[in-house]
N, C-alpha and C. Protein backbone atom coordinates (compact mmCIF):
# COMPACT_ATOMS: atom_id res chain seq x y z
N MET A 1 78.66 83.54 105.81
CA MET A 1 79.62 83.86 104.79
C MET A 1 80.34 85.15 105.19
N LYS A 2 81.66 85.11 105.11
CA LYS A 2 82.46 86.29 105.45
C LYS A 2 82.50 87.22 104.24
N LYS A 3 82.23 88.48 104.49
CA LYS A 3 82.25 89.47 103.42
C LYS A 3 83.59 90.21 103.46
N GLU A 4 84.27 90.24 102.31
CA GLU A 4 85.56 90.93 102.24
C GLU A 4 85.34 92.38 101.86
N LEU A 5 86.05 93.26 102.53
CA LEU A 5 86.00 94.67 102.19
C LEU A 5 87.22 95.00 101.34
N ASN A 6 86.98 95.69 100.27
CA ASN A 6 88.07 96.13 99.41
C ASN A 6 88.28 97.62 99.60
N GLU A 7 89.52 98.01 99.69
CA GLU A 7 89.84 99.42 99.83
C GLU A 7 90.58 99.86 98.58
N ILE A 8 90.34 101.08 98.16
CA ILE A 8 91.03 101.63 97.00
C ILE A 8 92.17 102.51 97.50
N TYR A 9 93.33 102.34 96.90
CA TYR A 9 94.48 103.17 97.24
C TYR A 9 95.04 103.78 95.95
N ILE A 10 95.22 105.07 95.95
CA ILE A 10 95.82 105.75 94.80
C ILE A 10 97.29 105.98 95.12
N VAL A 11 98.14 105.43 94.27
CA VAL A 11 99.59 105.49 94.48
C VAL A 11 100.07 106.93 94.45
N LYS A 12 100.91 107.24 95.43
CA LYS A 12 101.49 108.58 95.55
C LYS A 12 102.95 108.56 95.12
N GLN A 13 103.50 109.74 94.93
CA GLN A 13 104.91 109.88 94.56
C GLN A 13 105.78 109.11 95.56
N ASP A 14 106.75 108.38 95.07
CA ASP A 14 107.72 107.62 95.87
C ASP A 14 107.15 106.39 96.56
N ASP A 15 105.88 106.03 96.32
CA ASP A 15 105.34 104.78 96.88
C ASP A 15 105.99 103.60 96.18
N THR A 16 106.17 102.53 96.94
CA THR A 16 106.59 101.25 96.37
C THR A 16 105.60 100.21 96.86
N ILE A 17 105.67 99.04 96.28
CA ILE A 17 104.77 97.97 96.73
C ILE A 17 105.05 97.64 98.19
N THR A 18 106.29 97.77 98.60
CA THR A 18 106.67 97.49 99.99
C THR A 18 106.04 98.48 100.95
N THR A 19 106.12 99.77 100.63
CA THR A 19 105.55 100.78 101.53
C THR A 19 104.03 100.68 101.60
N ILE A 20 103.41 100.37 100.47
CA ILE A 20 101.96 100.22 100.45
C ILE A 20 101.53 99.00 101.26
N ALA A 21 102.23 97.89 101.09
CA ALA A 21 101.92 96.67 101.83
C ALA A 21 102.06 96.88 103.33
N LYS A 22 103.12 97.57 103.74
CA LYS A 22 103.32 97.85 105.17
C LYS A 22 102.20 98.73 105.72
N LYS A 23 101.78 99.71 104.94
CA LYS A 23 100.71 100.62 105.38
C LYS A 23 99.42 99.87 105.69
N TYR A 24 99.12 98.84 104.90
CA TYR A 24 97.89 98.08 105.07
C TYR A 24 98.10 96.74 105.79
N ASN A 25 99.33 96.49 106.22
CA ASN A 25 99.67 95.23 106.89
C ASN A 25 99.28 94.03 106.03
N LYS A 26 99.65 94.10 104.76
CA LYS A 26 99.35 93.06 103.78
C LYS A 26 100.64 92.53 103.18
N ASN A 27 100.53 91.40 102.53
CA ASN A 27 101.64 90.79 101.83
C ASN A 27 101.79 91.45 100.46
N GLU A 28 103.01 91.80 100.07
CA GLU A 28 103.26 92.45 98.79
C GLU A 28 102.74 91.62 97.62
N ILE A 29 103.01 90.34 97.66
CA ILE A 29 102.61 89.45 96.56
C ILE A 29 101.09 89.41 96.42
N SER A 30 100.37 89.38 97.53
CA SER A 30 98.91 89.31 97.44
C SER A 30 98.33 90.58 96.81
N ILE A 31 98.94 91.73 97.09
CA ILE A 31 98.49 92.98 96.45
C ILE A 31 98.75 92.92 94.95
N LEU A 32 99.93 92.47 94.58
CA LEU A 32 100.28 92.38 93.16
C LEU A 32 99.36 91.42 92.43
N ILE A 33 99.10 90.26 93.02
CA ILE A 33 98.25 89.27 92.37
C ILE A 33 96.81 89.77 92.26
N SER A 34 96.28 90.34 93.33
CA SER A 34 94.89 90.78 93.29
C SER A 34 94.67 91.93 92.31
N ASN A 35 95.74 92.65 91.95
CA ASN A 35 95.63 93.74 90.98
C ASN A 35 96.18 93.35 89.61
N SER A 36 96.67 92.11 89.48
CA SER A 36 97.25 91.61 88.23
C SER A 36 98.31 92.54 87.66
N ILE A 37 99.26 92.90 88.51
CA ILE A 37 100.31 93.83 88.10
C ILE A 37 101.68 93.32 88.53
N LEU A 38 102.71 93.98 87.99
CA LEU A 38 104.09 93.75 88.40
C LEU A 38 104.55 94.95 89.21
N PRO A 39 105.57 94.79 90.05
CA PRO A 39 106.05 95.92 90.85
C PRO A 39 106.43 97.14 90.00
N SER A 40 106.96 96.90 88.82
CA SER A 40 107.39 98.01 87.95
C SER A 40 106.21 98.84 87.43
N MET A 41 105.01 98.33 87.57
CA MET A 41 103.82 99.04 87.09
C MET A 41 103.27 100.05 88.11
N ILE A 42 103.84 100.06 89.31
CA ILE A 42 103.37 100.97 90.36
C ILE A 42 103.88 102.37 90.06
N LYS A 43 103.00 103.24 89.68
CA LYS A 43 103.35 104.63 89.36
C LYS A 43 102.36 105.56 90.04
N LYS A 44 102.76 106.81 90.22
CA LYS A 44 101.90 107.83 90.83
C LYS A 44 100.58 107.90 90.06
N GLY A 45 99.47 107.86 90.82
CA GLY A 45 98.14 107.95 90.22
C GLY A 45 97.50 106.62 89.92
N TYR A 46 98.27 105.53 89.99
CA TYR A 46 97.73 104.19 89.73
C TYR A 46 96.76 103.81 90.85
N VAL A 47 95.66 103.20 90.49
CA VAL A 47 94.66 102.80 91.49
C VAL A 47 94.87 101.33 91.83
N LEU A 48 95.05 101.05 93.12
CA LEU A 48 95.21 99.67 93.60
C LEU A 48 94.01 99.30 94.45
N TYR A 49 93.62 98.05 94.35
CA TYR A 49 92.55 97.51 95.20
C TYR A 49 93.22 96.66 96.27
N ILE A 50 92.97 96.99 97.51
CA ILE A 50 93.55 96.28 98.65
C ILE A 50 92.47 95.41 99.26
N LYS A 51 92.72 94.10 99.28
CA LYS A 51 91.73 93.16 99.84
C LYS A 51 92.14 92.77 101.23
């Protein structure tokens, strides 16, 4: 069984879902879905789980 590692990312000033996805080489939609959020909800200090 493959074990998935989750990483926590705390959103910084001027971050967007695009910049965060590029940083982790992930798909923007998968980050949004796994966190049950919309792009407009990304604000400084928000905690995201990156799978």
